């Protein structure tokens, strides 16, 4: 039997991040729909929200996911 030993990758514990800035509309329903669409779209790509901030004009969402070996 042959045993192949895998080397530990320096990327094993690394994460990649993505920042998205969403402009706040004057209508709450539109804001809810836009934020829901954004969260669902990123979730399908393996992203999860890590941090969110809001001011009077925009919502900033920071997404994260585990880095893959082919991530550059």
Foldseek 3Di string as FASTA:
>chain_A
DDDDDDDDDPLQPPKDKDKDKAFDDPDPVVVVVVVVVVQVVVVVVAWHWDDWDDDPTIIMTMIMHRDDPPDD
